[in-house]
Amino acid sequence: MRLTKTVYLHGEGEEVLVGWNDFGEPIYETIPAKIPIQCEIEPYSSKLAENRYGIIVDVQYRLFTKPDERLKLGEKIEYKDKNYTITGVMDFDRHYEVLIKKDDA
């Protein structure tokens, strides 16, 4: 499978020390992690998802990627500086097909 595109999964952040408060206690800030995932991506529609998979979901794109347990319903993905939410994950033997919809903003 040729995986020519990269999307970023918004993962658990890392806590970084940013300073100290007036009482000498450390102040931490969570820096969100962006996990790169190689994939192929194509435009997709809710009607195609209903015909192909038998599910009714809101979807704009379909990703093809290697199996990755981190891809779950409701997780956030970034593609071309836009945020998307995973609305469907189909686990096949050698690949995942992931349906995503654009976040309302």
C-alpha atoms as a PDB file:
ATOM      1  CA  MET A   1       0.000   0.000   0.000  1.00  0.00           C
ATOM      2  CA  ARG A   2       1.409   3.410  -1.002  1.00  0.00           C
ATOM      3  CA  LEU A   3       0.978   5.876   1.856  1.00  0.00           C
ATOM      4  CA  THR A   4       1.811   9.294   0.426  1.00  0.00           C
ATOM      5  CA  LYS A   5      -0.062  11.638   2.780  1.00  0.00           C
ATOM      6  CA  THR A   6       0.407  12.459   6.463  1.00  0.00           C
ATOM      7  CA  VAL A   7      -2.306  13.265   8.995  1.00  0.00           C
ATOM      8  CA  TYR A   8      -1.690  14.114  12.640  1.00  0.00           C
ATOM      9  CA  LEU A   9      -3.512  12.407  15.483  1.00  0.00           C
ATOM     10  CA  HIS A  10      -3.969  14.673  18.493  1.00  0.00           C
ATOM     11  CA  GLY A  11      -2.531  12.548  21.280  1.00  0.00           C
ATOM     12  CA  GLU A  12      -1.963  12.913  24.977  1.00  0.00           C
ATOM     13  CA  GLY A  13       0.079  15.969  25.782  1.00  0.00           C
ATOM     14  CA  GLU A  14       3.328  16.201  27.664  1.00  0.00           C
ATOM     15  CA  GLU A  15       3.624  18.313  30.809  1.00  0.00           C
ATOM     16  CA  VAL A  16       6.409  20.866  30.650  1.00  0.00           C
ATOM     17  CA  LEU A  17       7.699  23.036  33.491  1.00  0.00           C
ATOM     18  CA  VAL A  18       7.014  26.678  32.584  1.00  0.00           C
ATOM     19  CA  GLY A  19       7.909  28.438  35.822  1.00  0.00           C
ATOM     20  CA  TRP A  20       7.359  28.802  39.527  1.00  0.00           C
ATOM     21  CA  ASN A  21       4.552  30.497  41.477  1.00  0.00           C
ATOM     22  CA  ASP A  22       4.981  32.904  44.415  1.00  0.00           C
ATOM     23  CA  PHE A  23       5.160  29.990  46.872  1.00  0.00           C
ATOM     24  CA  GLY A  24       8.003  28.228  45.056  1.00  0.00           C
ATOM     25  CA  GLU A  25       5.728  25.546  43.573  1.00  0.00           C
ATOM     26  CA  PRO A  26       6.290  24.437  39.971  1.00  0.00           C
ATOM     27  CA  ILE A  27       3.821  25.493  37.250  1.00  0.00           C
ATOM     28  CA  TYR A  28       3.286  22.967  34.473  1.00  0.00           C
ATOM     29  CA  GLU A  29       1.646  23.403  31.084  1.00  0.00           C
ATOM     30  CA  THR A  30       0.397  20.568  28.896  1.00  0.00           C
ATOM     31  CA  ILE A  31       1.773  20.675  25.352  1.00  0.00           C
ATOM     32  CA  PRO A  32      -0.490  18.649  23.032  1.00  0.00           C
ATOM     33  CA  ALA A  33       1.237  15.957  20.999  1.00  0.00           C
ATOM     34  CA  LYS A  34       0.714  15.547  17.264  1.00  0.00           C
ATOM     35  CA  ILE A  35       1.364  11.959  16.213  1.00  0.00           C
ATOM     36  CA  PRO A  36       2.088  11.636  12.460  1.00  0.00           C
ATOM     37  CA  ILE A  37       0.251   8.842  10.648  1.00  0.00           C
ATOM     38  CA  GLN A  38       1.052   7.903   7.047  1.00  0.00           C
ATOM     39  CA  CYS A  39      -2.055   7.272   4.953  1.00  0.00           C
ATOM     40  CA  GLU A  40      -3.883   7.682   1.685  1.00  0.00           C
ATOM     41  CA  ILE A  41      -6.889   9.983   1.806  1.00  0.00           C
ATOM     42  CA  GLU A  42      -9.833  10.487  -0.539  1.00  0.00           C
ATOM     43  CA  PRO A  43     -13.072  12.477  -0.478  1.00  0.00           C
ATOM     44  CA  TYR A  44     -16.014  10.393   0.723  1.00  0.00           C
ATOM     45  CA  SER A  45     -19.708  10.876   1.448  1.00  0.00           C
ATOM     46  CA  SER A  46     -22.289   9.689   3.947  1.00  0.00           C
ATOM     47  CA  LYS A  47     -24.242   7.973   1.147  1.00  0.00           C
ATOM     48  CA  LEU A  48     -21.175   5.990   0.046  1.00  0.00           C
ATOM     49  CA  ALA A  49     -20.518   4.962   3.670  1.00  0.00           C
ATOM     50  CA  GLU A  50     -24.110   3.762   3.976  1.00  0.00           C
ATOM     51  CA  ASN A  51     -23.853   1.696   0.763  1.00  0.00           C
ATOM     52  CA  ARG A  52     -20.341   0.312   1.384  1.00  0.00           C
ATOM     53  CA  TYR A  53     -20.317  -0.275   5.153  1.00  0.00           C
ATOM     54  CA  GLY A  54     -24.003  -0.209   6.089  1.00  0.00           C
ATOM     55  CA  ILE A  55     -23.541   2.618   8.589  1.00  0.00           C
ATOM     56  CA  ILE A  56     -25.031   6.095   8.675  1.00  0.00           C
ATOM     57  CA  VAL A  57     -22.336   8.616   9.631  1.00  0.00           C
ATOM     58  CA  ASP A  58     -21.326  12.174   8.847  1.00  0.00           C
ATOM     59  CA  VAL A  59     -18.157  11.919   6.727  1.00  0.00           C
ATOM     60  CA  GLN A  60     -16.082  14.025   4.303  1.00  0.00           C
ATOM     61  CA  TYR A  61     -12.950  11.885   3.846  1.00  0.00           C
ATOM     62  CA  ARG A  62     -11.839   8.265   4.038  1.00  0.00           C
ATOM     63  CA  LEU A  63      -8.309   7.323   5.121  1.00  0.00           C
ATOM     64  CA  PHE A  64      -6.469   4.122   4.278  1.00  0.00           C
ATOM     65  CA  THR A  65      -3.678   3.343   6.740  1.00  0.00           C
ATOM     66  CA  LYS A  66      -1.799   0.513   8.391  1.00  0.00           C
ATOM     67  CA  PRO A  67      -3.513  -0.910  11.490  1.00  0.00           C
ATOM     68  CA  ASP A  68      -3.094   1.466  14.430  1.00  0.00           C
ATOM     69  CA  GLU A  69      -4.891   0.949  17.752  1.00  0.00           C
ATOM     70  CA  ARG A  70      -4.706   4.690  18.512  1.00  0.00           C
ATOM     71  CA  LEU A  71      -7.303   5.428  15.820  1.00  0.00           C
ATOM     72  CA  LYS A  72     -10.629   5.348  17.690  1.00  0.00           C
ATOM     73  CA  LEU A  73     -14.065   6.909  17.346  1.00  0.00           C
ATOM     74  CA  GLY A  74     -14.148  10.514  18.492  1.00  0.00           C
ATOM     75  CA  GLU A  75     -10.382  11.077  18.293  1.00  0.00           C
ATOM     76  CA  LYS A  76      -9.195  14.304  16.663  1.00  0.00           C
ATOM     77  CA  ILE A  77      -7.117  14.374  13.472  1.00  0.00           C
ATOM     78  CA  GLU A  78      -5.432  17.281  11.705  1.00  0.00           C
ATOM     79  CA  TYR A  79      -5.106  17.320   7.912  1.00  0.00           C
ATOM     80  CA  LYS A  80      -3.967  20.354   5.899  1.00  0.00           C
ATOM     81  CA  ASP A  81      -4.224  22.590   8.998  1.00  0.00           C
ATOM     82  CA  LYS A  82      -7.905  21.683   9.522  1.00  0.00           C
ATOM     83  CA  ASN A  83      -9.311  19.615  12.374  1.00  0.00           C
ATOM     84  CA  TYR A  84     -11.417  16.500  11.840  1.00  0.00           C
ATOM     85  CA  THR A  85     -13.124  13.947  14.082  1.00  0.00           C
ATOM     86  CA  ILE A  86     -13.041  10.189  13.474  1.00  0.00           C
ATOM     87  CA  THR A  87     -16.586   8.940  12.819  1.00  0.00           C
ATOM     88  CA  GLY A  88     -15.837   5.371  11.744  1.00  0.00           C
ATOM     89  CA  VAL A  89     -13.007   2.827  11.918  1.00  0.00           C
ATOM     90  CA  MET A  90     -13.105  -0.375   9.886  1.00  0.00           C
ATOM     91  CA  ASP A  91     -10.436  -2.897  10.882  1.00  0.00           C
ATOM     92  CA  PHE A  92      -9.377  -5.162   8.027  1.00  0.00           C
ATOM     93  CA  ASP A  93      -6.565  -7.737   8.144  1.00  0.00           C
ATOM     94  CA  ARG A  94      -3.822  -5.548   6.704  1.00  0.00           C
ATOM     95  CA  HIS A  95      -5.223  -2.025   6.858  1.00  0.00           C
ATOM     96  CA  TYR A  96      -7.705   0.337   8.497  1.00  0.00           C
ATOM     97  CA  GLU A  97     -10.300   2.395   6.679  1.00  0.00           C
ATOM     98  CA  VAL A  98     -11.061   5.476   8.766  1.00  0.00           C
ATOM     99  CA  LEU A  99     -13.946   7.879   8.141  1.00  0.00           C
ATOM    100  CA  ILE A 100     -13.493  11.491   9.267  1.00  0.00           C
ATOM    101  CA  LYS A 101     -15.670  14.603   9.333  1.00  0.00           C
ATOM    102  CA  LYS A 102     -14.665  18.249   9.517  1.00  0.00           C
ATOM    103  CA  ASP A 103     -15.039  19.849  12.939  1.00  0.00           C
ATOM    104  CA  ASP A 104     -17.495  22.700  13.299  1.00  0.00           C
ATOM    105  CA  ALA A 105     -15.620  25.857  14.137  1.00  0.00           C
END
